[in-house]
Structures are given as C-alpha cells and as structure tokens.
Amino acid sequence: MSTTQLRNIGPKSAAWLRQVGLRSAEDLQAVGAVDAFLKVRRAGFKPSLNLLYSLEGALVGSHWQEIPEARRRQLLEQLEQASARLPAQRGTPVGGPVSTTRYDDDRVTPSDDDADPRDDHAADTDED
C-alpha cells in the first residue's frame, strides 16, 4: 500500500515520505514512526509533532488525535533519544554566533553592526 493511501497521511506528508525513501506502508512499518519523522526532519523539511502522531496512527490504524497521551509522551522520549544520537546536521552552526574581523592597513575593524562608527575615525588621525 502506498503512503498516499495510509490513514492520517495527506499529500504533503506523503510527498515528504517519498522524498526520504518511504514509499509504502511496509517501508514505514520497517523504520517506525520516530525514525520516519527524523528522516523527514533531517531532509530539511519542517514537520510539526502532528506528523509524528499521524505516522504512529497510520501504523496502528487509528486517527492521530486518538493516540493516547501516554503513548505521545513515549514517542517524544524516543524522539529526544534518537535525536541525541544523531551527529550534527551539516550546514548548521554547532557553536554560538560568529563575528568577522577585517585587518586593513594594520587596523583591526570589527564588521558587526554594533561597532561604533566613531571608533574607526579615531585611528585615521595623524599626530605629526
């Protein structure tokens, strides 16, 4: 059965699943709801937790809103654990903010927007 025919899975979610290689109910069953959700998120899409609950509902044959609260908490715990095991995504910052410093003619010029423009002119004066 195609993912487009699964309960709770709309056209957008089915397209996301296809793009990460999950094209059938069997594919989804093989990886599970949490890993399928992670595949979608790691592919650069921005799914809400409703997708996680929809995937679980598709696997157990119920509406996503009928997933019990205890099972939802369990899914969230599994998601956190699985996310913690993954390496950092390429192209995303691992550390804090980065500022760039330019070195022009023996002067150090910070290039962030918070620099006071009056400071740049003080270094230009000659004391001859």
C-alpha atoms as a PDB file:
ATOM      1  CA  MET A   1       0.000   0.000   0.000  1.00  0.00           C
ATOM      2  CA  SER A   2       1.292   3.444  -0.950  1.00  0.00           C
ATOM      3  CA  THR A   3       1.854   6.081   1.731  1.00  0.00           C
ATOM      4  CA  THR A   4      -0.765   8.258  -0.018  1.00  0.00           C
ATOM      5  CA  GLN A   5      -3.390   5.659   0.936  1.00  0.00           C
ATOM      6  CA  LEU A   6      -2.435   5.491   4.613  1.00  0.00           C
ATOM      7  CA  ARG A   7      -4.760   6.898   7.229  1.00  0.00           C
ATOM      8  CA  ASN A   8      -3.677  10.357   8.536  1.00  0.00           C
ATOM      9  CA  ILE A   9      -1.193  10.890   5.697  1.00  0.00           C
ATOM     10  CA  GLY A  10      -2.102  13.767   3.415  1.00  0.00           C
ATOM     11  CA  PRO A  11      -0.497  14.683   0.093  1.00  0.00           C
ATOM     12  CA  LYS A  12       2.222  16.876   1.613  1.00  0.00           C
ATOM     13  CA  SER A  13       3.230  14.288   4.217  1.00  0.00           C
ATOM     14  CA  ALA A  14       3.181  11.547   1.577  1.00  0.00           C
ATOM     15  CA  ALA A  15       5.467  13.653  -0.640  1.00  0.00           C
ATOM     16  CA  TRP A  16       7.895  14.172   2.263  1.00  0.00           C
ATOM     17  CA  LEU A  17       7.905  10.432   2.961  1.00  0.00           C
ATOM     18  CA  ARG A  18       8.523   9.606  -0.712  1.00  0.00           C
ATOM     19  CA  GLN A  19      11.424  12.063  -0.824  1.00  0.00           C
ATOM     20  CA  VAL A  20      13.126  10.316   2.099  1.00  0.00           C
ATOM     21  CA  GLY A  21      12.624   6.874   0.558  1.00  0.00           C
ATOM     22  CA  LEU A  22       9.499   5.722   2.396  1.00  0.00           C
ATOM     23  CA  ARG A  23       7.071   4.837  -0.370  1.00  0.00           C
ATOM     24  CA  SER A  24       4.880   2.144   1.161  1.00  0.00           C
ATOM     25  CA  ALA A  25       3.243   1.075   4.384  1.00  0.00           C
ATOM     26  CA  GLU A  26       5.858  -1.660   4.625  1.00  0.00           C
ATOM     27  CA  ASP A  27       8.667   0.922   4.423  1.00  0.00           C
ATOM     28  CA  LEU A  28       7.037   2.929   7.189  1.00  0.00           C
ATOM     29  CA  GLN A  29       6.483  -0.181   9.309  1.00  0.00           C
ATOM     30  CA  ALA A  30      10.140  -1.160   8.891  1.00  0.00           C
ATOM     31  CA  VAL A  31      11.523   2.134  10.242  1.00  0.00           C
ATOM     32  CA  GLY A  32       8.769   3.133  12.679  1.00  0.00           C
ATOM     33  CA  ALA A  33       7.132   6.478  13.346  1.00  0.00           C
ATOM     34  CA  VAL A  34      10.052   8.117  15.183  1.00  0.00           C
ATOM     35  CA  ASP A  35      12.724   7.248  12.614  1.00  0.00           C
ATOM     36  CA  ALA A  36      10.411   8.216   9.744  1.00  0.00           C
ATOM     37  CA  PHE A  37       9.798  11.590  11.430  1.00  0.00           C
ATOM     38  CA  LEU A  38      13.548  12.080  11.894  1.00  0.00           C
ATOM     39  CA  LYS A  39      14.222  11.238   8.245  1.00  0.00           C
ATOM     40  CA  VAL A  40      11.741  13.908   7.170  1.00  0.00           C
ATOM     41  CA  ARG A  41      13.197  16.483   9.544  1.00  0.00           C
ATOM     42  CA  ARG A  42      16.811  15.670   8.615  1.00  0.00           C
ATOM     43  CA  ALA A  43      15.901  16.090   4.941  1.00  0.00           C
ATOM     44  CA  GLY A  44      15.284  19.767   5.652  1.00  0.00           C
ATOM     45  CA  PHE A  45      11.516  19.773   5.964  1.00  0.00           C
ATOM     46  CA  LYS A  46       9.855  21.385   8.977  1.00  0.00           C
ATOM     47  CA  PRO A  47       7.295  18.867  10.237  1.00  0.00           C
ATOM     48  CA  SER A  48       5.273  19.515  13.366  1.00  0.00           C
ATOM     49  CA  LEU A  49       4.762  16.865  16.013  1.00  0.00           C
ATOM     50  CA  ASN A  50       1.392  16.188  14.409  1.00  0.00           C
ATOM     51  CA  LEU A  51       3.291  14.320  11.697  1.00  0.00           C
ATOM     52  CA  LEU A  52       4.842  12.072  14.342  1.00  0.00           C
ATOM     53  CA  TYR A  53       1.415  11.313  15.783  1.00  0.00           C
ATOM     54  CA  SER A  54      -0.022  10.835  12.278  1.00  0.00           C
ATOM     55  CA  LEU A  55       2.690   8.333  11.438  1.00  0.00           C
ATOM     56  CA  GLU A  56       2.003   6.433  14.652  1.00  0.00           C
ATOM     57  CA  GLY A  57      -1.720   6.490  13.891  1.00  0.00           C
ATOM     58  CA  ALA A  58      -1.052   5.171  10.395  1.00  0.00           C
ATOM     59  CA  LEU A  59       0.953   2.293  11.867  1.00  0.00           C
ATOM     60  CA  VAL A  60      -1.639   1.314  14.475  1.00  0.00           C
ATOM     61  CA  GLY A  61      -4.712   2.099  12.339  1.00  0.00           C
ATOM     62  CA  SER A  62      -6.213   4.938  14.345  1.00  0.00           C
ATOM     63  CA  HIS A  63      -6.789   8.654  13.916  1.00  0.00           C
ATOM     64  CA  TRP A  64      -3.782  10.688  15.033  1.00  0.00           C
ATOM     65  CA  GLN A  65      -5.856  12.539  17.642  1.00  0.00           C
ATOM     66  CA  GLU A  66      -6.765   9.219  19.245  1.00  0.00           C
ATOM     67  CA  ILE A  67      -3.147   8.399  20.136  1.00  0.00           C
ATOM     68  CA  PRO A  68      -3.184   8.183  23.967  1.00  0.00           C
ATOM     69  CA  GLU A  69      -1.281  10.831  25.911  1.00  0.00           C
ATOM     70  CA  ALA A  70       0.973   8.181  27.468  1.00  0.00           C
ATOM     71  CA  ARG A  71       1.967   6.932  24.003  1.00  0.00           C
ATOM     72  CA  ARG A  72       2.581  10.515  22.834  1.00  0.00           C
ATOM     73  CA  ARG A  73       4.964  11.076  25.754  1.00  0.00           C
ATOM     74  CA  GLN A  74       6.698   7.801  24.926  1.00  0.00           C
ATOM     75  CA  LEU A  75       7.092   8.875  21.282  1.00  0.00           C
ATOM     76  CA  LEU A  76       8.544  12.226  22.385  1.00  0.00           C
ATOM     77  CA  GLU A  77      11.046  10.480  24.670  1.00  0.00           C
ATOM     78  CA  GLN A  78      12.075   8.171  21.826  1.00  0.00           C
ATOM     79  CA  LEU A  79      12.403  11.193  19.537  1.00  0.00           C
ATOM     80  CA  GLU A  80      14.656  13.009  22.012  1.00  0.00           C
ATOM     81  CA  GLN A  81      16.839   9.932  22.496  1.00  0.00           C
ATOM     82  CA  ALA A  82      17.125   9.292  18.764  1.00  0.00           C
ATOM     83  CA  SER A  83      17.875  12.970  18.064  1.00  0.00           C
ATOM     84  CA  ALA A  84      20.626  12.992  20.683  1.00  0.00           C
ATOM     85  CA  ARG A  85      22.352  10.035  18.993  1.00  0.00           C
ATOM     86  CA  LEU A  86      22.480  11.747  15.601  1.00  0.00           C
ATOM     87  CA  PRO A  87      25.528  13.763  14.537  1.00  0.00           C
ATOM     88  CA  ALA A  88      25.093  17.484  13.991  1.00  0.00           C
ATOM     89  CA  GLN A  89      23.438  18.287  10.691  1.00  0.00           C
ATOM     90  CA  ARG A  90      25.779  19.606   8.021  1.00  0.00           C
ATOM     91  CA  GLY A  91      25.454  23.274   7.243  1.00  0.00           C
ATOM     92  CA  THR A  92      24.067  24.220  10.629  1.00  0.00           C
ATOM     93  CA  PRO A  93      26.030  26.070  13.280  1.00  0.00           C
ATOM     94  CA  VAL A  94      27.298  23.956  16.134  1.00  0.00           C
ATOM     95  CA  GLY A  95      28.613  26.797  18.287  1.00  0.00           C
ATOM     96  CA  GLY A  96      27.472  30.292  19.112  1.00  0.00           C
ATOM     97  CA  PRO A  97      27.400  33.380  16.940  1.00  0.00           C
ATOM     98  CA  VAL A  98      30.452  34.208  14.879  1.00  0.00           C
ATOM     99  CA  SER A  99      31.773  37.677  14.161  1.00  0.00           C
ATOM    100  CA  THR A 100      34.179  38.601  11.396  1.00  0.00           C
ATOM    101  CA  THR A 101      37.185  40.838  11.889  1.00  0.00           C
ATOM    102  CA  ARG A 102      38.872  42.560   8.963  1.00  0.00           C
ATOM    103  CA  TYR A 103      42.531  43.544   9.038  1.00  0.00           C
ATOM    104  CA  ASP A 104      43.070  46.644   6.881  1.00  0.00           C
ATOM    105  CA  ASP A 105      46.375  48.526   6.874  1.00  0.00           C
ATOM    106  CA  ASP A 106      47.412  47.440  10.376  1.00  0.00           C
ATOM    107  CA  ARG A 107      43.986  48.338  11.774  1.00  0.00           C
ATOM    108  CA  VAL A 108      41.531  45.875  13.210  1.00  0.00           C
ATOM    109  CA  THR A 109      37.989  46.654  12.141  1.00  0.00           C
ATOM    110  CA  PRO A 110      35.101  44.669  13.621  1.00  0.00           C
ATOM    111  CA  SER A 111      32.464  44.082  10.994  1.00  0.00           C
ATOM    112  CA  ASP A 112      29.482  43.556  13.236  1.00  0.00           C
ATOM    113  CA  ASP A 113      26.680  46.102  13.246  1.00  0.00           C
ATOM    114  CA  ASP A 114      27.201  47.015  16.904  1.00  0.00           C
ATOM    115  CA  ALA A 115      30.549  48.713  16.265  1.00  0.00           C
ATOM    116  CA  ASP A 116      30.618  52.430  16.919  1.00  0.00           C
ATOM    117  CA  PRO A 117      31.465  54.173  13.614  1.00  0.00           C
ATOM    118  CA  ARG A 118      33.254  56.936  15.544  1.00  0.00           C
ATOM    119  CA  ASP A 119      35.899  54.391  16.626  1.00  0.00           C
ATOM    120  CA  ASP A 120      37.021  53.885  13.019  1.00  0.00           C
ATOM    121  CA  HIS A 121      37.770  57.581  12.562  1.00  0.00           C
ATOM    122  CA  ALA A 122      39.905  57.812  15.681  1.00  0.00           C
ATOM    123  CA  ALA A 123      42.515  55.506  14.151  1.00  0.00           C
ATOM    124  CA  ASP A 124      42.718  57.668  10.992  1.00  0.00           C
ATOM    125  CA  THR A 125      44.176  60.761  12.666  1.00  0.00           C
ATOM    126  CA  ASP A 126      47.862  61.535  12.253  1.00  0.00           C
ATOM    127  CA  GLU A 127      49.722  63.132  15.110  1.00  0.00           C
ATOM    128  CA  ASP A 128      52.529  64.850  13.103  1.00  0.00           C
END
